[in-house]
Amino acid sequence: MCCTTHRIIDAALDIAARPGFAAADVRRIEVALGARQAAMAGHRCPRDPLEAK
């Protein structure tokens, strides 16, 4: 299950490591998943850190 989200997390970490990146400048983050990956992730709108994990 979690392997489907690793690419997204890796991309976010790569962006955060860029010179001049400032998290305070981020207004929102949008992620697109395939239907199968979204179903495997489980929580479309997590309500707490455990569901977001």
Protein backbone atom coordinates (compact mmCIF):
# COMPACT_ATOMS: atom_id res chain seq x y z
CA MET A 1 0.00 0.00 0.00
CA CYS A 2 2.50 2.64 1.06
CA CYS A 3 4.68 2.04 -1.99
CA THR A 4 2.04 3.85 -4.06
CA THR A 5 2.66 7.07 -2.17
CA HIS A 6 6.46 6.94 -2.03
CA ARG A 7 6.88 8.69 -5.40
CA ILE A 8 4.75 11.57 -4.20
CA ILE A 9 6.70 11.87 -0.95
CA ASP A 10 10.03 11.62 -2.79
CA ALA A 11 8.96 14.39 -5.16
CA ALA A 12 7.98 16.63 -2.23
CA LEU A 13 11.32 16.01 -0.54
CA ASP A 14 13.18 16.80 -3.77
CA ILE A 15 11.28 20.08 -4.14
CA ALA A 16 11.89 20.98 -0.48
CA ALA A 17 15.62 20.43 -0.96
CA ARG A 18 15.88 22.96 -3.79
CA PRO A 19 17.85 26.11 -3.02
CA GLY A 20 15.54 28.97 -2.14
CA PHE A 21 12.56 26.76 -1.29
CA ALA A 22 10.48 28.16 1.57
CA ALA A 23 7.62 26.09 3.01
CA ALA A 24 5.92 29.33 4.06
CA ASP A 25 5.47 30.18 0.38
CA VAL A 26 3.43 27.02 -0.31
CA ARG A 27 -0.28 27.80 -0.52
CA ARG A 28 -1.54 24.33 -1.32
CA ILE A 29 -0.47 20.95 -2.60
CA GLU A 30 -2.48 18.95 -5.11
CA VAL A 31 -1.78 15.31 -5.83
CA ALA A 32 -3.34 13.14 -8.51
CA LEU A 33 -3.62 9.40 -7.96
CA GLY A 34 -5.04 6.62 -10.02
CA ALA A 35 -8.25 5.03 -8.72
CA ARG A 36 -6.44 1.89 -7.57
CA GLN A 37 -3.75 3.86 -5.72
CA ALA A 38 -6.33 6.11 -4.06
CA ALA A 39 -8.29 3.08 -2.89
CA MET A 40 -5.11 1.53 -1.48
CA ALA A 41 -4.22 4.73 0.34
CA GLY A 42 -7.51 4.47 2.18
CA HIS A 43 -8.38 7.95 3.43
CA ARG A 44 -9.38 10.61 0.92
CA CYS A 45 -9.63 13.30 3.59
CA PRO A 46 -7.68 12.16 6.66
CA ARG A 47 -9.01 13.52 9.95
CA ASP A 48 -5.92 12.98 12.04
CA PRO A 49 -2.20 12.18 11.69
CA LEU A 50 -2.78 8.43 11.91
CA GLU A 51 -5.20 8.44 8.98
CA ALA A 52 -2.82 10.67 7.02
CA LYS A 53 0.04 8.25 7.60
